[in-house]
Amino acid sequence: MGTTGLRDRRKRQTRQEISNIATRLFTERGFEDVTIAQVAAAAGVAKMTVTNHFPRKEDLVLDIHEEFAARLGEVVADRRKGESPLAALRRAYFEDLARRDAMLGFSGPDFARLLAGSPTLLARLREIHEEREAPLAAALADELDGFAAALVAAHVVAAHRTLFREVQRRALAGQDHDEIATAVEPLAVRAFDALERLLD
């Protein structure tokens, strides 16, 4: 591995370590009661190192926000030949559900409580959900005009957001991942069936 590759890997490792330590502190003490300086001290790095990796404090917790925002657009852009955008999105959702993917809200009760207990984190989570619309609409633009693509993207993201909240609600109620997946699967079928009817 070259010097650049090693440096990039170390940066990713440092970023993940900082995020893990921050999440543990936030879970123990509450998001609003932990400062960036305290995260830096616990991680053994300078405060500037934390802010270089995470310009927003919320993103210490929601550290996969870029991948999350891009995911739906990527599913449509990379779909199988002959597969419709909605069929690809349906397939991807159930594949992610089978993996109990964190992008669907599978994070465990402690993390769910951390999110639910912080208006700041909930507001950022809403923003990140909304950020999914633009890349999804761009991916749909090959099939639809701009207005229709934006409208479809908004409906798809709304369905995903509603299912995400259901996963989180059940995590807060103490259900484990398998119980949640079993309960959410028929709801996801209903959601995608409704999208099919809406977009028919």
N, C-alpha and C. Protein backbone atom coordinates (compact mmCIF):
# COMPACT_ATOMS: atom_id res chain seq x y z
N MET A 1 0.85 -1.19 0.00
CA MET A 1 0.00 0.00 0.00
C MET A 1 0.89 1.24 0.00
N GLY A 2 0.58 2.23 -0.83
CA GLY A 2 1.38 3.44 -0.93
C GLY A 2 1.17 4.34 0.27
N THR A 3 2.02 5.39 0.33
CA THR A 3 1.95 6.34 1.45
C THR A 3 0.59 7.02 1.51
N THR A 4 0.06 7.40 0.34
CA THR A 4 -1.25 8.06 0.32
C THR A 4 -2.35 7.14 0.82
N GLY A 5 -2.30 5.88 0.39
CA GLY A 5 -3.31 4.92 0.84
C GLY A 5 -3.24 4.68 2.32
N LEU A 6 -2.03 4.59 2.86
CA LEU A 6 -1.85 4.38 4.30
C LEU A 6 -2.34 5.58 5.07
N ARG A 7 -2.03 6.78 4.56
CA ARG A 7 -2.47 8.00 5.23
C ARG A 7 -3.99 8.08 5.24
N ASP A 8 -4.63 7.74 4.12
CA ASP A 8 -6.09 7.76 4.06
C ASP A 8 -6.70 6.76 5.02
N ARG A 9 -6.09 5.58 5.12
CA ARG A 9 -6.61 4.56 6.03
C ARG A 9 -6.50 5.03 7.48
N ARG A 10 -5.37 5.67 7.81
CA ARG A 10 -5.20 6.18 9.18
C ARG A 10 -6.20 7.28 9.48
N LYS A 11 -6.47 8.13 8.48
CA LYS A 11 -7.48 9.18 8.68
C LYS A 11 -8.85 8.58 8.94
N ARG A 12 -9.20 7.55 8.17
CA ARG A 12 -10.49 6.89 8.38
C ARG A 12 -10.56 6.23 9.76
N GLN A 13 -9.46 5.61 10.16
CA GLN A 13 -9.43 4.97 11.48
C GLN A 13 -9.57 6.00 12.58
N THR A 14 -8.84 7.12 12.45
CA THR A 14 -8.94 8.19 13.45
C THR A 14 -10.36 8.73 13.52
N ARG A 15 -10.94 8.94 12.36
CA ARG A 15 -12.31 9.47 12.30
C ARG A 15 -13.28 8.52 13.00
N GLN A 16 -13.14 7.22 12.72
CA GLN A 16 -14.05 6.24 13.32
C GLN A 16 -13.84 6.15 14.83
N GLU A 17 -12.59 6.21 15.27
CA GLU A 17 -12.31 6.15 16.70
C GLU A 17 -12.90 7.35 17.43
N ILE A 18 -12.76 8.54 16.83
CA ILE A 18 -13.34 9.74 17.43
C ILE A 18 -14.85 9.61 17.52
N SER A 19 -15.48 9.14 16.44
CA SER A 19 -16.93 8.97 16.43
C SER A 19 -17.38 7.97 17.49
N ASN A 20 -16.66 6.86 17.62
CA ASN A 20 -17.02 5.84 18.61
C ASN A 20 -16.93 6.39 20.03
N ILE A 21 -15.85 7.11 20.31
CA ILE A 21 -15.67 7.68 21.64
C ILE A 21 -16.73 8.74 21.92
N ALA A 22 -17.00 9.58 20.92
CA ALA A 22 -18.02 10.61 21.10
C ALA A 22 -19.39 10.00 21.36
N THR A 23 -19.73 8.98 20.59
CA THR A 23 -21.05 8.35 20.76
C THR A 23 -21.17 7.74 22.15
N ARG A 24 -20.08 7.12 22.65
CA ARG A 24 -20.11 6.56 24.00
C ARG A 24 -20.33 7.65 25.05
N LEU A 25 -19.62 8.76 24.91
CA LEU A 25 -19.78 9.87 25.85
C LEU A 25 -21.19 10.45 25.79
N PHE A 26 -21.69 10.65 24.57
CA PHE A 26 -23.04 11.20 24.41
C PHE A 26 -24.08 10.26 25.01
N THR A 27 -23.89 8.97 24.80
CA THR A 27 -24.84 7.99 25.33
C THR A 27 -24.84 8.00 26.85
N GLU A 28 -23.66 8.14 27.43
CA GLU A 28 -23.54 8.14 28.89
C GLU A 28 -24.07 9.42 29.53
N ARG A 29 -23.81 10.57 28.89
CA ARG A 29 -24.07 11.86 29.54
C ARG A 29 -25.13 12.71 28.87
N GLY A 30 -25.50 12.36 27.63
CA GLY A 30 -26.44 13.18 26.88
C GLY A 30 -25.71 14.05 25.88
N PHE A 31 -26.28 14.19 24.71
CA PHE A 31 -25.61 14.90 23.62
C PHE A 31 -25.29 16.35 23.99
N GLU A 32 -26.26 17.04 24.57
CA GLU A 32 -26.07 18.46 24.86
C GLU A 32 -25.08 18.70 26.00
N ASP A 33 -24.79 17.68 26.81
CA ASP A 33 -23.95 17.86 27.99
C ASP A 33 -22.49 17.48 27.77
N VAL A 34 -22.13 17.17 26.55
CA VAL A 34 -20.73 16.83 26.22
C VAL A 34 -20.23 17.84 25.19
N THR A 35 -19.06 18.40 25.44
CA THR A 35 -18.50 19.38 24.51
C THR A 35 -17.51 18.72 23.54
N ILE A 36 -17.21 19.44 22.48
CA ILE A 36 -16.20 18.98 21.52
C ILE A 36 -14.84 18.83 22.23
N ALA A 37 -14.54 19.75 23.13
CA ALA A 37 -13.27 19.69 23.87
C ALA A 37 -13.19 18.41 24.70
N GLN A 38 -14.31 18.02 25.30
CA GLN A 38 -14.32 16.79 26.09
C GLN A 38 -14.14 15.55 25.20
N VAL A 39 -14.75 15.58 24.02
CA VAL A 39 -14.56 14.48 23.07
C VAL A 39 -13.09 14.40 22.66
N ALA A 40 -12.50 15.54 22.36
CA ALA A 40 -11.09 15.56 21.94
C ALA A 40 -10.20 15.01 23.05
N ALA A 41 -10.45 15.43 24.28
CA ALA A 41 -9.64 14.96 25.41
C ALA A 41 -9.77 13.45 25.58
N ALA A 42 -10.98 12.94 25.48
CA ALA A 42 -11.20 11.50 25.64
C ALA A 42 -10.56 10.71 24.52
N ALA A 43 -10.52 11.30 23.32
CA ALA A 43 -9.93 10.62 22.17
C ALA A 43 -8.42 10.82 22.08
N GLY A 44 -7.88 11.72 22.92
CA GLY A 44 -6.45 11.98 22.90
C GLY A 44 -5.98 12.73 21.67
N VAL A 45 -6.85 13.60 21.15
CA VAL A 45 -6.50 14.39 19.97
C VAL A 45 -6.79 15.85 20.25
N ALA A 46 -6.31 16.72 19.37
CA ALA A 46 -6.61 18.14 19.49
C ALA A 46 -8.05 18.41 19.11
N LYS A 47 -8.61 19.46 19.69
CA LYS A 47 -9.98 19.85 19.34
C LYS A 47 -10.11 20.10 17.84
N MET A 48 -9.08 20.70 17.24
CA MET A 48 -9.11 20.99 15.80
C MET A 48 -9.18 19.68 14.99
N THR A 49 -8.58 18.63 15.49
CA THR A 49 -8.65 17.34 14.79
C THR A 49 -10.09 16.86 14.73
N VAL A 50 -10.82 17.01 15.82
CA VAL A 50 -12.23 16.61 15.85
C VAL A 50 -13.02 17.43 14.85
N THR A 51 -12.84 18.75 14.88
CA THR A 51 -13.64 19.62 14.00
C THR A 51 -13.22 19.48 12.53
N ASN A 52 -11.98 19.09 12.28
CA ASN A 52 -11.58 18.83 10.89
C ASN A 52 -12.31 17.62 10.32
N HIS A 53 -12.49 16.61 11.15
CA HIS A 53 -13.20 15.41 10.71
C HIS A 53 -14.72 15.60 10.77
N PHE A 54 -15.17 16.39 11.74
CA PHE A 54 -16.61 16.56 11.97
C PHE A 54 -16.92 18.03 12.18
N PRO A 55 -17.18 18.78 11.10
CA PRO A 55 -17.47 20.21 11.23
C PRO A 55 -18.70 20.49 12.10
N ARG A 56 -19.64 19.55 12.14
CA ARG A 56 -20.83 19.72 12.98
C ARG A 56 -20.80 18.68 14.08
N LYS A 57 -21.09 19.11 15.28
CA LYS A 57 -21.09 18.19 16.43
C LYS A 57 -22.04 17.02 16.20
N GLU A 58 -23.18 17.27 15.58
CA GLU A 58 -24.16 16.22 15.37
C GLU A 58 -23.59 15.07 14.53
N ASP A 59 -22.66 15.41 13.64
CA ASP A 59 -22.13 14.39 12.74
C ASP A 59 -21.13 13.46 13.41
N LEU A 60 -20.74 13.78 14.65
CA LEU A 60 -20.00 12.82 15.46
C LEU A 60 -20.85 11.59 15.74
N VAL A 61 -22.15 11.80 15.85
CA VAL A 61 -23.10 10.71 16.09
C VAL A 61 -23.58 10.13 14.77
N LEU A 62 -24.00 11.00 13.88
CA LEU A 62 -24.55 10.59 12.58
C LEU A 62 -23.42 10.58 11.56
N ASP A 63 -22.43 9.72 11.82
CA ASP A 63 -21.17 9.78 11.08
C ASP A 63 -21.24 9.16 9.69
N ILE A 64 -22.34 8.48 9.36
CA ILE A 64 -22.47 7.92 8.01
C ILE A 64 -23.43 8.75 7.17
N HIS A 65 -23.55 10.04 7.53
CA HIS A 65 -24.58 10.86 6.87
C HIS A 65 -24.35 11.01 5.37
N GLU A 66 -23.09 11.05 4.94
CA GLU A 66 -22.84 11.22 3.50
C GLU A 66 -23.28 9.97 2.73
N GLU A 67 -22.94 8.80 3.25
CA GLU A 67 -23.36 7.55 2.62
C GLU A 67 -24.88 7.41 2.66
N PHE A 68 -25.46 7.82 3.79
CA PHE A 68 -26.91 7.76 3.97
C PHE A 68 -27.61 8.63 2.95
N ALA A 69 -27.12 9.86 2.79
CA ALA A 69 -27.76 10.79 1.86
C ALA A 69 -27.66 10.30 0.41
N ALA A 70 -26.56 9.65 0.09
CA ALA A 70 -26.33 9.22 -1.30
C ALA A 70 -26.98 7.88 -1.64
N ARG A 71 -27.33 7.10 -0.64
CA ARG A 71 -27.69 5.70 -0.85
C ARG A 71 -28.82 5.48 -1.85
N LEU A 72 -29.93 6.19 -1.72
CA LEU A 72 -31.09 5.93 -2.59
C LEU A 72 -30.78 6.28 -4.04
N GLY A 73 -30.08 7.38 -4.24
CA GLY A 73 -29.69 7.74 -5.60
C GLY A 73 -28.78 6.70 -6.22
N GLU A 74 -27.88 6.15 -5.42
CA GLU A 74 -26.95 5.12 -5.92
C GLU A 74 -27.70 3.84 -6.29
N VAL A 75 -28.70 3.49 -5.49
CA VAL A 75 -29.49 2.30 -5.80
C VAL A 75 -30.14 2.42 -7.18
N VAL A 76 -30.71 3.58 -7.45
CA VAL A 76 -31.37 3.80 -8.74
C VAL A 76 -30.34 3.85 -9.87
N ALA A 77 -29.25 4.57 -9.64
CA ALA A 77 -28.23 4.71 -10.70
C ALA A 77 -27.57 3.38 -11.04
N ASP A 78 -27.43 2.50 -10.05
CA ASP A 78 -26.72 1.23 -10.25
C ASP A 78 -27.66 0.03 -10.40
N ARG A 79 -28.93 0.31 -10.68
CA ARG A 79 -29.90 -0.79 -10.72
C ARG A 79 -29.61 -1.75 -11.87
N ARG A 80 -30.18 -2.94 -11.76
CA ARG A 80 -29.98 -3.97 -12.77
C ARG A 80 -30.62 -3.56 -14.09
N LYS A 81 -30.07 -4.09 -15.15
CA LYS A 81 -30.62 -3.81 -16.47
C LYS A 81 -32.07 -4.27 -16.54
N GLY A 82 -32.95 -3.39 -17.01
CA GLY A 82 -34.36 -3.72 -17.13
C GLY A 82 -35.15 -3.55 -15.85
N GLU A 83 -34.49 -3.22 -14.76
CA GLU A 83 -35.18 -3.05 -13.47
C GLU A 83 -35.66 -1.62 -13.34
N SER A 84 -36.90 -1.42 -12.93
CA SER A 84 -37.41 -0.07 -12.76
C SER A 84 -36.80 0.55 -11.50
N PRO A 85 -36.76 1.89 -11.44
CA PRO A 85 -36.21 2.53 -10.24
C PRO A 85 -36.90 2.08 -8.95
N LEU A 86 -38.23 2.01 -8.97
CA LEU A 86 -38.93 1.63 -7.74
C LEU A 86 -38.68 0.17 -7.38
N ALA A 87 -38.58 -0.70 -8.40
CA ALA A 87 -38.26 -2.11 -8.11
C ALA A 87 -36.88 -2.22 -7.49
N ALA A 88 -35.94 -1.42 -7.97
CA ALA A 88 -34.59 -1.43 -7.40
C ALA A 88 -34.60 -0.94 -5.96
N LEU A 89 -35.36 0.11 -5.70
CA LEU A 89 -35.45 0.65 -4.34
C LEU A 89 -36.12 -0.34 -3.39
N ARG A 90 -37.13 -1.03 -3.88
CA ARG A 90 -37.79 -2.06 -3.07
C ARG A 90 -36.81 -3.20 -2.75
N ARG A 91 -36.14 -3.67 -3.79
CA ARG A 91 -35.19 -4.78 -3.59
C ARG A 91 -34.11 -4.39 -2.59
N ALA A 92 -33.55 -3.19 -2.76
CA ALA A 92 -32.47 -2.74 -1.89
C ALA A 92 -32.94 -2.62 -0.44
N TYR A 93 -34.18 -2.13 -0.26
CA TYR A 93 -34.68 -1.98 1.11
C TYR A 93 -34.74 -3.34 1.81
N PHE A 94 -35.28 -4.33 1.13
CA PHE A 94 -35.42 -5.63 1.78
C PHE A 94 -34.08 -6.34 1.94
N GLU A 95 -33.13 -6.07 1.05
CA GLU A 95 -31.77 -6.59 1.25
C GLU A 95 -31.15 -5.96 2.50
N ASP A 96 -31.33 -4.65 2.65
CA ASP A 96 -30.81 -3.95 3.82
C ASP A 96 -31.53 -4.41 5.09
N LEU A 97 -32.82 -4.67 4.97
CA LEU A 97 -33.58 -5.15 6.13
C LEU A 97 -33.05 -6.51 6.58
N ALA A 98 -32.74 -7.37 5.64
CA ALA A 98 -32.21 -8.69 5.99
C ALA A 98 -30.88 -8.58 6.72
N ARG A 99 -30.12 -7.51 6.41
CA ARG A 99 -28.83 -7.28 7.07
C ARG A 99 -28.97 -6.50 8.37
N ARG A 100 -30.20 -6.05 8.66
CA ARG A 100 -30.43 -5.18 9.83
C ARG A 100 -29.52 -3.95 9.74
N ASP A 101 -29.55 -3.32 8.58
CA ASP A 101 -28.62 -2.24 8.26
C ASP A 101 -28.90 -0.99 9.11
N ALA A 102 -27.83 -0.36 9.58
CA ALA A 102 -27.96 0.86 10.38
C ALA A 102 -28.64 1.97 9.61
N MET A 103 -28.53 1.96 8.27
CA MET A 103 -29.16 3.02 7.48
C MET A 103 -30.69 2.93 7.51
N LEU A 104 -31.21 1.80 7.95
CA LEU A 104 -32.66 1.66 8.11
C LEU A 104 -33.10 1.98 9.53
N GLY A 105 -32.15 2.31 10.39
CA GLY A 105 -32.48 2.66 11.78
C GLY A 105 -32.08 1.60 12.79
N PHE A 106 -31.49 0.50 12.34
CA PHE A 106 -31.09 -0.56 13.27
C PHE A 106 -29.81 -0.13 14.00
N SER A 107 -29.99 0.37 15.21
CA SER A 107 -28.85 0.92 15.93
C SER A 107 -28.82 0.49 17.40
N GLY A 108 -29.85 -0.18 17.86
CA GLY A 108 -29.90 -0.59 19.26
C GLY A 108 -30.60 0.45 20.12
N PRO A 109 -31.06 0.02 21.30
CA PRO A 109 -31.85 0.91 22.16
C PRO A 109 -31.07 2.11 22.70
N ASP A 110 -29.79 1.93 23.03
CA ASP A 110 -29.02 3.05 23.59
C ASP A 110 -28.89 4.18 22.57
N PHE A 111 -28.60 3.81 21.33
CA PHE A 111 -28.45 4.82 20.28
C PHE A 111 -29.81 5.46 19.98
N ALA A 112 -30.85 4.65 19.97
CA ALA A 112 -32.20 5.19 19.72
C ALA A 112 -32.58 6.18 20.81
N ARG A 113 -32.23 5.88 22.06
CA ARG A 113 -32.51 6.81 23.17
C ARG A 113 -31.70 8.09 23.02
N LEU A 114 -30.45 7.94 22.59
CA LEU A 114 -29.61 9.13 22.38
C LEU A 114 -30.25 10.06 21.36
N LEU A 115 -30.70 9.50 20.23
CA LEU A 115 -31.35 10.32 19.21
C LEU A 115 -32.65 10.94 19.74
N ALA A 116 -33.48 10.10 20.35
CA ALA A 116 -34.79 10.56 20.81
C ALA A 116 -34.67 11.63 21.89
N GLY A 117 -33.57 11.60 22.65
CA GLY A 117 -33.41 12.54 23.76
C GLY A 117 -32.79 13.86 23.40
N SER A 118 -32.45 14.04 22.13
CA SER A 118 -31.77 15.27 21.71
C SER A 118 -32.51 15.94 20.56
N PRO A 119 -33.15 17.08 20.83
CA PRO A 119 -33.79 17.84 19.74
C PRO A 119 -32.80 18.21 18.64
N THR A 120 -31.56 18.48 19.01
CA THR A 120 -30.53 18.84 18.04
C THR A 120 -30.27 17.69 17.08
N LEU A 121 -30.11 16.49 17.62
CA LEU A 121 -29.86 15.32 16.78
C LEU A 121 -31.07 14.99 15.91
N LEU A 122 -32.27 15.12 16.47
CA LEU A 122 -33.47 14.84 15.69
C LEU A 122 -33.60 15.83 14.53
N ALA A 123 -33.27 17.09 14.78
CA ALA A 123 -33.32 18.10 13.72
C ALA A 123 -32.30 17.77 12.62
N ARG A 124 -31.10 17.37 13.02
CA ARG A 124 -30.09 17.01 12.03
C ARG A 124 -30.50 15.77 11.25
N LEU A 125 -31.12 14.81 11.94
CA LEU A 125 -31.59 13.60 11.25
C LEU A 125 -32.64 13.94 10.20
N ARG A 126 -33.53 14.86 10.53
CA ARG A 126 -34.53 15.31 9.54
C ARG A 126 -33.84 15.94 8.33
N GLU A 127 -32.83 16.75 8.58
CA GLU A 127 -32.09 17.37 7.49
C GLU A 127 -31.45 16.31 6.59
N ILE A 128 -30.85 15.31 7.22
CA ILE A 128 -30.16 14.27 6.44
C ILE A 128 -31.15 13.49 5.60
N HIS A 129 -32.32 13.20 6.16
CA HIS A 129 -33.35 12.54 5.35
C HIS A 129 -33.71 13.40 4.14
N GLU A 130 -33.87 14.70 4.35
CA GLU A 130 -34.21 15.60 3.25
C GLU A 130 -33.08 15.66 2.22
N GLU A 131 -31.84 15.53 2.68
CA GLU A 131 -30.69 15.57 1.76
C GLU A 131 -30.69 14.37 0.80
N ARG A 132 -31.48 13.36 1.09
CA ARG A 132 -31.56 12.20 0.21
C ARG A 132 -32.34 12.51 -1.07
N GLU A 133 -33.18 13.52 -1.02
CA GLU A 133 -34.07 13.79 -2.15
C GLU A 133 -33.32 14.22 -3.41
N ALA A 134 -32.35 15.13 -3.27
CA ALA A 134 -31.68 15.67 -4.45
C ALA A 134 -30.92 14.61 -5.24
N PRO A 135 -30.07 13.77 -4.61
CA PRO A 135 -29.39 12.75 -5.40
C PRO A 135 -30.34 11.70 -5.98
N LEU A 136 -31.42 11.41 -5.26
CA LEU A 136 -32.41 10.47 -5.79
C LEU A 136 -33.11 11.07 -7.00
N ALA A 137 -33.51 12.32 -6.89
CA ALA A 137 -34.17 12.99 -8.02
C ALA A 137 -33.24 13.06 -9.23
N ALA A 138 -31.95 13.30 -8.99
CA ALA A 138 -30.98 13.36 -10.09
C ALA A 138 -30.88 12.01 -10.79
N ALA A 139 -30.91 10.93 -10.00
CA ALA A 139 -30.83 9.59 -10.58
C ALA A 139 -32.10 9.25 -11.36
N LEU A 140 -33.22 9.80 -10.92
CA LEU A 140 -34.50 9.54 -11.60
C LEU A 140 -34.69 10.39 -12.85
N ALA A 141 -33.84 11.40 -13.02
CA ALA A 141 -34.02 12.36 -14.11
C ALA A 141 -33.84 11.73 -15.49
N ASP A 142 -33.20 10.57 -15.56
CA ASP A 142 -33.08 9.88 -16.85
C ASP A 142 -34.42 9.34 -17.33
N GLU A 143 -35.32 9.09 -16.38
CA GLU A 143 -36.61 8.48 -16.70
C GLU A 143 -37.77 9.48 -16.65
N LEU A 144 -37.60 10.54 -15.86
CA LEU A 144 -38.71 11.45 -15.59
C LEU A 144 -38.27 12.89 -15.82
N ASP A 145 -39.24 13.78 -16.04
CA ASP A 145 -38.88 15.20 -16.11
C ASP A 145 -38.54 15.68 -14.70
N GLY A 146 -37.97 16.87 -14.62
CA GLY A 146 -37.45 17.37 -13.35
C GLY A 146 -38.47 17.43 -12.24
N PHE A 147 -39.68 17.91 -12.55
CA PHE A 147 -40.71 18.02 -11.52
C PHE A 147 -41.14 16.64 -11.05
N ALA A 148 -41.39 15.73 -11.98
CA ALA A 148 -41.82 14.38 -11.61
C ALA A 148 -40.74 13.67 -10.80
N ALA A 149 -39.47 13.85 -11.20
CA ALA A 149 -38.38 13.22 -10.47
C ALA A 149 -38.32 13.72 -9.02
N ALA A 150 -38.49 15.03 -8.84
CA ALA A 150 -38.47 15.60 -7.49
C ALA A 150 -39.65 15.10 -6.67
N LEU A 151 -40.81 14.99 -7.31
CA LEU A 151 -42.01 14.52 -6.61
C LEU A 151 -41.86 13.07 -6.18
N VAL A 152 -41.38 12.22 -7.08
CA VAL A 152 -41.17 10.81 -6.75
C VAL A 152 -40.14 10.68 -5.64
N ALA A 153 -39.05 11.42 -5.75
CA ALA A 153 -38.01 11.36 -4.73
C ALA A 153 -38.56 11.74 -3.36
N ALA A 154 -39.39 12.77 -3.32
CA ALA A 154 -39.96 13.19 -2.04
C ALA A 154 -40.83 12.10 -1.43
N HIS A 155 -41.62 11.42 -2.25
CA HIS A 155 -42.48 10.34 -1.74
C HIS A 155 -41.65 9.14 -1.26
N VAL A 156 -40.62 8.80 -2.02
CA VAL A 156 -39.77 7.66 -1.63
C VAL A 156 -39.06 7.96 -0.32
N VAL A 157 -38.51 9.15 -0.20
CA VAL A 157 -37.81 9.52 1.03
C VAL A 157 -38.78 9.55 2.21
N ALA A 158 -40.00 10.03 1.99
CA ALA A 158 -41.00 10.03 3.06
C ALA A 158 -41.30 8.62 3.54
N ALA A 159 -41.39 7.68 2.62
CA ALA A 159 -41.63 6.28 3.00
C ALA A 159 -40.46 5.74 3.81
N HIS A 160 -39.25 6.00 3.35
CA HIS A 160 -38.06 5.55 4.08
C HIS A 160 -37.99 6.18 5.46
N ARG A 161 -38.30 7.46 5.55
CA ARG A 161 -38.24 8.15 6.83
C ARG A 161 -39.27 7.57 7.81
N THR A 162 -40.45 7.26 7.31
CA THR A 162 -41.50 6.70 8.17
C THR A 162 -41.10 5.31 8.67
N LEU A 163 -40.52 4.50 7.79
CA LEU A 163 -40.05 3.17 8.20
C LEU A 163 -38.89 3.28 9.18
N PHE A 164 -37.99 4.23 8.96
CA PHE A 164 -36.87 4.47 9.87
C PHE A 164 -37.41 4.79 11.27
N ARG A 165 -38.38 5.67 11.34
CA ARG A 165 -38.94 6.04 12.64
C ARG A 165 -39.58 4.84 13.33
N GLU A 166 -40.21 3.97 12.55
CA GLU A 166 -40.82 2.78 13.14
C GLU A 166 -39.76 1.85 13.72
N VAL A 167 -38.66 1.70 13.01
CA VAL A 167 -37.56 0.89 13.54
C VAL A 167 -37.06 1.48 14.85
N GLN A 168 -36.86 2.79 14.87
CA GLN A 168 -36.38 3.46 16.08
C GLN A 168 -37.39 3.35 17.22
N ARG A 169 -38.66 3.51 16.90
CA ARG A 169 -39.70 3.42 17.93
C ARG A 169 -39.67 2.04 18.59
N ARG A 170 -39.53 1.02 17.79
CA ARG A 170 -39.51 -0.33 18.33
C ARG A 170 -38.23 -0.61 19.10
N ALA A 171 -37.12 -0.02 18.67
CA ALA A 171 -35.87 -0.16 19.44
C ALA A 171 -36.03 0.47 20.82
N LEU A 172 -36.66 1.64 20.87
CA LEU A 172 -36.90 2.31 22.15
C LEU A 172 -37.81 1.48 23.06
N ALA A 173 -38.71 0.71 22.44
CA ALA A 173 -39.62 -0.14 23.21
C ALA A 173 -38.95 -1.43 23.69
N GLY A 174 -37.68 -1.62 23.32
CA GLY A 174 -36.94 -2.76 23.81
C GLY A 174 -36.93 -3.98 22.91
N GLN A 175 -37.45 -3.86 21.70
CA GLN A 175 -37.43 -4.99 20.79
C GLN A 175 -36.03 -5.18 20.21
N ASP A 176 -35.66 -6.44 20.00
CA ASP A 176 -34.35 -6.69 19.40
C ASP A 176 -34.46 -6.59 17.87
N HIS A 177 -33.31 -6.68 17.20
CA HIS A 177 -33.28 -6.48 15.75
C HIS A 177 -34.20 -7.44 15.00
N ASP A 178 -34.20 -8.69 15.42
CA ASP A 178 -35.02 -9.67 14.70
C ASP A 178 -36.52 -9.39 14.89
N GLU A 179 -36.91 -9.04 16.10
CA GLU A 179 -38.31 -8.69 16.35
C GLU A 179 -38.72 -7.48 15.51
N ILE A 180 -37.84 -6.50 15.47
CA ILE A 180 -38.13 -5.28 14.70
C ILE A 180 -38.27 -5.61 13.22
N ALA A 181 -37.33 -6.38 12.70
CA ALA A 181 -37.37 -6.71 11.27
C ALA A 181 -38.65 -7.47 10.92
N THR A 182 -39.05 -8.39 11.78
CA THR A 182 -40.26 -9.17 11.53
C THR A 182 -41.49 -8.26 11.49
N ALA A 183 -41.52 -7.27 12.39
CA ALA A 183 -42.67 -6.36 12.46
C ALA A 183 -42.65 -5.35 11.31
N VAL A 184 -41.46 -4.92 10.91
CA VAL A 184 -41.35 -3.86 9.90
C VAL A 184 -41.54 -4.40 8.49
N GLU A 185 -41.20 -5.66 8.26
CA GLU A 185 -41.28 -6.20 6.90
C GLU A 185 -42.65 -6.00 6.25
N PRO A 186 -43.77 -6.37 6.90
CA PRO A 186 -45.06 -6.14 6.24
C PRO A 186 -45.39 -4.65 6.08
N LEU A 187 -44.88 -3.82 6.97
CA LEU A 187 -45.09 -2.38 6.83
C LEU A 187 -44.35 -1.85 5.61
N ALA A 188 -43.15 -2.38 5.38
CA ALA A 188 -42.38 -1.97 4.21
C ALA A 188 -43.07 -2.42 2.92
N VAL A 189 -43.66 -3.61 2.95
CA VAL A 189 -44.42 -4.09 1.78
C VAL A 189 -45.57 -3.11 1.50
N ARG A 190 -46.28 -2.71 2.56
CA ARG A 190 -47.37 -1.75 2.39
C ARG A 190 -46.86 -0.44 1.83
N ALA A 191 -45.71 0.02 2.34
CA ALA A 191 -45.16 1.30 1.90
C ALA A 191 -44.80 1.27 0.42
N PHE A 192 -44.13 0.21 -0.01
CA PHE A 192 -43.72 0.14 -1.41
C PHE A 192 -44.91 -0.15 -2.34
N ASP A 193 -45.88 -0.90 -1.84
CA ASP A 193 -47.10 -1.09 -2.63
C ASP A 193 -47.82 0.25 -2.83
N ALA A 194 -47.84 1.05 -1.78
CA ALA A 194 -48.49 2.37 -1.88
C ALA A 194 -47.73 3.26 -2.87
N LEU A 195 -46.41 3.18 -2.85
CA LEU A 195 -45.62 3.96 -3.82
C LEU A 195 -45.92 3.50 -5.24
N GLU A 196 -46.05 2.20 -5.43
CA GLU A 196 -46.37 1.67 -6.76
C GLU A 196 -47.70 2.23 -7.26
N ARG A 197 -48.70 2.23 -6.37
CA ARG A 197 -50.02 2.75 -6.76
C ARG A 197 -49.95 4.23 -7.04
N LEU A 198 -49.21 4.94 -6.23
CA LEU A 198 -49.11 6.38 -6.37
C LEU A 198 -48.42 6.76 -7.68
N LEU A 199 -47.43 5.97 -8.05
CA LEU A 199 -46.60 6.33 -9.21
C LEU A 199 -47.03 5.63 -10.48
N ASP A 200 -48.08 4.84 -10.39
CA ASP A 200 -48.55 4.08 -11.56
C ASP A 200 -49.07 5.03 -12.64
